[in-house]
Amino acid sequence: MISKGFINIANMIFDFQRIYGGKVQMGISDKLRYLKTQIGTLVRRIDEHEVQAELSQAKGDLNKTLMDLKKLEDDASSLREVFS
């Protein structure tokens, strides 16, 4: 996931150089501001993907816990029947 982010950063830098390198005169501060904005956007996207992955993992864990609780409930019912 993170290596993909670095590839995206590299691609943004190459695109930036291709688009702005010789065609438009920009000051260094403008170039840095542009890259900072693009990298910030990418970091937010990576964070969103990581959150999604963590939520998916948590959902799976909760589903497993729910199944375990249902099994315990069934076991308790069976024990009640045996001892009644």
N, C-alpha and C. Protein backbone atom coordinates (compact mmCIF):
# COMPACT_ATOMS: atom_id res chain seq x y z
N MET A 1 0.84 -1.18 0.00
CA MET A 1 0.00 0.00 0.00
C MET A 1 0.89 1.25 0.00
N ILE A 2 1.88 1.29 0.89
CA ILE A 2 2.72 2.48 0.97
C ILE A 2 3.62 2.59 -0.25
N SER A 3 4.17 1.45 -0.72
CA SER A 3 5.02 1.51 -1.91
C SER A 3 4.24 2.03 -3.10
N LYS A 4 2.96 1.68 -3.18
CA LYS A 4 2.10 2.20 -4.24
C LYS A 4 1.99 3.72 -4.11
N GLY A 5 1.93 4.20 -2.87
CA GLY A 5 1.89 5.65 -2.62
C GLY A 5 3.15 6.34 -3.12
N PHE A 6 4.31 5.72 -2.89
CA PHE A 6 5.55 6.32 -3.36
C PHE A 6 5.61 6.34 -4.88
N ILE A 7 5.07 5.30 -5.50
CA ILE A 7 5.02 5.29 -6.96
C ILE A 7 4.13 6.42 -7.45
N ASN A 8 3.01 6.62 -6.77
CA ASN A 8 2.11 7.72 -7.14
C ASN A 8 2.80 9.08 -6.97
N ILE A 9 3.58 9.24 -5.90
CA ILE A 9 4.32 10.49 -5.70
C ILE A 9 5.31 10.70 -6.84
N ALA A 10 6.03 9.64 -7.19
CA ALA A 10 7.00 9.75 -8.29
C ALA A 10 6.28 10.12 -9.59
N ASN A 11 5.14 9.49 -9.84
CA ASN A 11 4.38 9.82 -11.05
C ASN A 11 3.92 11.28 -11.03
N MET A 12 3.49 11.76 -9.86
CA MET A 12 3.07 13.16 -9.76
C MET A 12 4.23 14.10 -10.07
N ILE A 13 5.41 13.74 -9.56
CA ILE A 13 6.58 14.59 -9.80
C ILE A 13 6.92 14.59 -11.29
N PHE A 14 6.88 13.41 -11.94
CA PHE A 14 7.16 13.36 -13.37
C PHE A 14 6.12 14.15 -14.17
N ASP A 15 4.84 14.00 -13.78
CA ASP A 15 3.79 14.77 -14.45
C ASP A 15 4.01 16.26 -14.26
N PHE A 16 4.37 16.62 -13.04
CA PHE A 16 4.63 18.02 -12.74
C PHE A 16 5.76 18.56 -13.62
N GLN A 17 6.84 17.79 -13.71
CA GLN A 17 7.96 18.22 -14.53
C GLN A 17 7.56 18.31 -16.00
N ARG A 18 6.77 17.34 -16.46
CA ARG A 18 6.35 17.34 -17.85
C ARG A 18 5.44 18.54 -18.13
N ILE A 19 4.49 18.80 -17.24
CA ILE A 19 3.51 19.86 -17.48
C ILE A 19 4.12 21.25 -17.24
N TYR A 20 4.80 21.38 -16.12
CA TYR A 20 5.24 22.72 -15.72
C TYR A 20 6.73 22.98 -15.98
N GLY A 21 7.46 21.92 -16.31
CA GLY A 21 8.91 22.05 -16.44
C GLY A 21 9.38 23.14 -17.37
N GLY A 22 8.93 23.16 -18.60
CA GLY A 22 9.43 24.14 -19.54
C GLY A 22 8.37 25.05 -20.10
N LYS A 23 7.11 24.70 -19.91
CA LYS A 23 6.05 25.45 -20.56
C LYS A 23 5.61 26.68 -19.78
N VAL A 24 5.61 26.58 -18.48
CA VAL A 24 5.11 27.68 -17.65
C VAL A 24 6.21 28.09 -16.69
N GLN A 25 6.46 29.37 -16.63
CA GLN A 25 7.46 29.87 -15.68
C GLN A 25 6.80 29.97 -14.31
N MET A 26 7.30 29.19 -13.37
CA MET A 26 6.79 29.23 -12.01
C MET A 26 7.97 29.44 -11.09
N GLY A 27 7.71 30.15 -10.01
CA GLY A 27 8.73 30.30 -9.00
C GLY A 27 8.89 29.00 -8.23
N ILE A 28 10.03 28.86 -7.57
CA ILE A 28 10.29 27.63 -6.81
C ILE A 28 9.25 27.45 -5.71
N SER A 29 8.82 28.56 -5.10
CA SER A 29 7.82 28.43 -4.03
C SER A 29 6.49 27.92 -4.59
N ASP A 30 6.13 28.35 -5.82
CA ASP A 30 4.90 27.85 -6.44
C ASP A 30 5.01 26.35 -6.73
N LYS A 31 6.16 25.93 -7.20
CA LYS A 31 6.38 24.52 -7.50
C LYS A 31 6.30 23.69 -6.22
N LEU A 32 6.94 24.17 -5.15
CA LEU A 32 6.93 23.45 -3.89
C LEU A 32 5.51 23.39 -3.31
N ARG A 33 4.79 24.49 -3.42
CA ARG A 33 3.41 24.53 -2.92
C ARG A 33 2.55 23.51 -3.68
N TYR A 34 2.73 23.44 -5.00
CA TYR A 34 1.99 22.47 -5.81
C TYR A 34 2.30 21.05 -5.36
N LEU A 35 3.58 20.70 -5.23
CA LEU A 35 3.96 19.37 -4.82
C LEU A 35 3.46 19.05 -3.41
N LYS A 36 3.54 20.04 -2.51
CA LYS A 36 3.06 19.84 -1.14
C LYS A 36 1.57 19.52 -1.14
N THR A 37 0.81 20.23 -1.94
CA THR A 37 -0.63 19.98 -2.04
C THR A 37 -0.90 18.59 -2.58
N GLN A 38 -0.20 18.21 -3.65
CA GLN A 38 -0.41 16.89 -4.25
C GLN A 38 -0.02 15.77 -3.30
N ILE A 39 1.09 15.92 -2.60
CA ILE A 39 1.54 14.90 -1.66
C ILE A 39 0.57 14.82 -0.48
N GLY A 40 0.09 15.96 0.00
CA GLY A 40 -0.89 15.97 1.08
C GLY A 40 -2.16 15.24 0.69
N THR A 41 -2.61 15.45 -0.53
CA THR A 41 -3.79 14.75 -1.03
C THR A 41 -3.54 13.25 -1.07
N LEU A 42 -2.38 12.85 -1.52
CA LEU A 42 -2.04 11.44 -1.60
C LEU A 42 -1.99 10.82 -0.20
N VAL A 43 -1.41 11.53 0.75
CA VAL A 43 -1.33 11.01 2.13
C VAL A 43 -2.73 10.79 2.69
N ARG A 44 -3.64 11.73 2.44
CA ARG A 44 -5.02 11.57 2.91
C ARG A 44 -5.67 10.35 2.25
N ARG A 45 -5.40 10.14 0.98
CA ARG A 45 -5.96 8.97 0.29
C ARG A 45 -5.41 7.67 0.88
N ILE A 46 -4.11 7.66 1.16
CA ILE A 46 -3.50 6.47 1.77
C ILE A 46 -4.13 6.23 3.14
N ASP A 47 -4.30 7.29 3.94
CA ASP A 47 -4.93 7.15 5.25
C ASP A 47 -6.34 6.59 5.13
N GLU A 48 -7.10 7.07 4.15
CA GLU A 48 -8.46 6.57 3.95
C GLU A 48 -8.46 5.09 3.61
N HIS A 49 -7.50 4.66 2.78
CA HIS A 49 -7.43 3.25 2.41
C HIS A 49 -7.05 2.40 3.62
N GLU A 50 -6.12 2.92 4.45
CA GLU A 50 -5.71 2.17 5.63
C GLU A 50 -6.87 2.06 6.61
N VAL A 51 -7.64 3.13 6.75
CA VAL A 51 -8.81 3.09 7.63
C VAL A 51 -9.81 2.07 7.11
N GLN A 52 -10.03 2.06 5.79
CA GLN A 52 -10.96 1.08 5.21
C GLN A 52 -10.48 -0.34 5.49
N ALA A 53 -9.17 -0.57 5.36
CA ALA A 53 -8.64 -1.91 5.61
C ALA A 53 -8.82 -2.28 7.09
N GLU A 54 -8.59 -1.33 7.99
CA GLU A 54 -8.76 -1.60 9.41
C GLU A 54 -10.23 -1.87 9.73
N LEU A 55 -11.13 -1.10 9.11
CA LEU A 55 -12.56 -1.32 9.34
C LEU A 55 -12.99 -2.70 8.83
N SER A 56 -12.47 -3.10 7.69
CA SER A 56 -12.80 -4.42 7.16
C SER A 56 -12.31 -5.51 8.10
N GLN A 57 -11.10 -5.33 8.64
CA GLN A 57 -10.55 -6.31 9.59
C GLN A 57 -11.41 -6.35 10.85
N ALA A 58 -11.80 -5.19 11.35
CA ALA A 58 -12.63 -5.13 12.56
C ALA A 58 -13.99 -5.78 12.31
N LYS A 59 -14.56 -5.56 11.13
CA LYS A 59 -15.84 -6.19 10.78
C LYS A 59 -15.71 -7.71 10.78
N GLY A 60 -14.62 -8.20 10.22
CA GLY A 60 -14.38 -9.65 10.22
C GLY A 60 -14.24 -10.19 11.63
N ASP A 61 -13.51 -9.46 12.47
CA ASP A 61 -13.34 -9.88 13.87
C ASP A 61 -14.68 -9.90 14.60
N LEU A 62 -15.50 -8.88 14.37
CA LEU A 62 -16.81 -8.82 15.02
C LEU A 62 -17.72 -9.96 14.54
N ASN A 63 -17.67 -10.26 13.25
CA ASN A 63 -18.46 -11.37 12.72
C ASN A 63 -18.03 -12.69 13.35
N LYS A 64 -16.72 -12.88 13.52
CA LYS A 64 -16.21 -14.10 14.15
C LYS A 64 -16.67 -14.16 15.60
N THR A 65 -16.61 -13.05 16.31
CA THR A 65 -17.07 -13.01 17.70
C THR A 65 -18.55 -13.32 17.78
N LEU A 66 -19.33 -12.78 16.85
CA LEU A 66 -20.77 -13.06 16.82
C LEU A 66 -21.03 -14.55 16.61
N MET A 67 -20.28 -15.16 15.71
CA MET A 67 -20.45 -16.61 15.47
C MET A 67 -20.07 -17.40 16.73
N ASP A 68 -18.99 -16.98 17.40
CA ASP A 68 -18.58 -17.64 18.65
C ASP A 68 -19.67 -17.51 19.71
N LEU A 69 -20.28 -16.33 19.81
CA LEU A 69 -21.35 -16.13 20.79
C LEU A 69 -22.56 -17.00 20.48
N LYS A 70 -22.90 -17.12 19.20
CA LYS A 70 -24.02 -17.98 18.82
C LYS A 70 -23.73 -19.43 19.18
N LYS A 71 -22.48 -19.86 18.97
CA LYS A 71 -22.10 -21.23 19.32
C LYS A 71 -22.21 -21.43 20.82
N LEU A 72 -21.76 -20.45 21.60
CA LEU A 72 -21.88 -20.56 23.05
C LEU A 72 -23.34 -20.63 23.48
N GLU A 73 -24.17 -19.84 22.83
CA GLU A 73 -25.60 -19.86 23.13
C GLU A 73 -26.20 -21.23 22.84
N ASP A 74 -25.82 -21.82 21.71
CA ASP A 74 -26.29 -23.16 21.35
C ASP A 74 -25.80 -24.19 22.36
N ASP A 75 -24.53 -24.07 22.77
CA ASP A 75 -23.97 -24.99 23.76
C ASP A 75 -24.71 -24.85 25.09
N ALA A 76 -25.03 -23.62 25.49
CA ALA A 76 -25.76 -23.40 26.73
C ALA A 76 -27.16 -24.02 26.65
N SER A 77 -27.80 -23.88 25.50
CA SER A 77 -29.13 -24.48 25.32
C SER A 77 -29.04 -26.01 25.43
N SER A 78 -28.02 -26.58 24.82
CA SER A 78 -27.83 -28.03 24.88
C SER A 78 -27.61 -28.49 26.32
N LEU A 79 -26.82 -27.73 27.08
CA LEU A 79 -26.56 -28.10 28.47
C LEU A 79 -27.83 -28.00 29.30
N ARG A 80 -28.65 -26.99 29.04
CA ARG A 80 -29.92 -26.84 29.76
C ARG A 80 -30.81 -28.06 29.51
N GLU A 81 -30.84 -28.49 28.25
CA GLU A 81 -31.67 -29.65 27.91
C GLU A 81 -31.16 -30.92 28.61
N VAL A 82 -29.85 -31.06 28.68
CA VAL A 82 -29.26 -32.24 29.31
C VAL A 82 -29.57 -32.25 30.80
N PHE A 83 -29.48 -31.10 31.46
CA PHE A 83 -29.67 -31.05 32.91
C PHE A 83 -31.11 -30.79 33.33
N SER A 84 -32.04 -30.69 32.40
CA SER A 84 -33.42 -30.46 32.81
C SER A 84 -34.19 -31.75 32.95
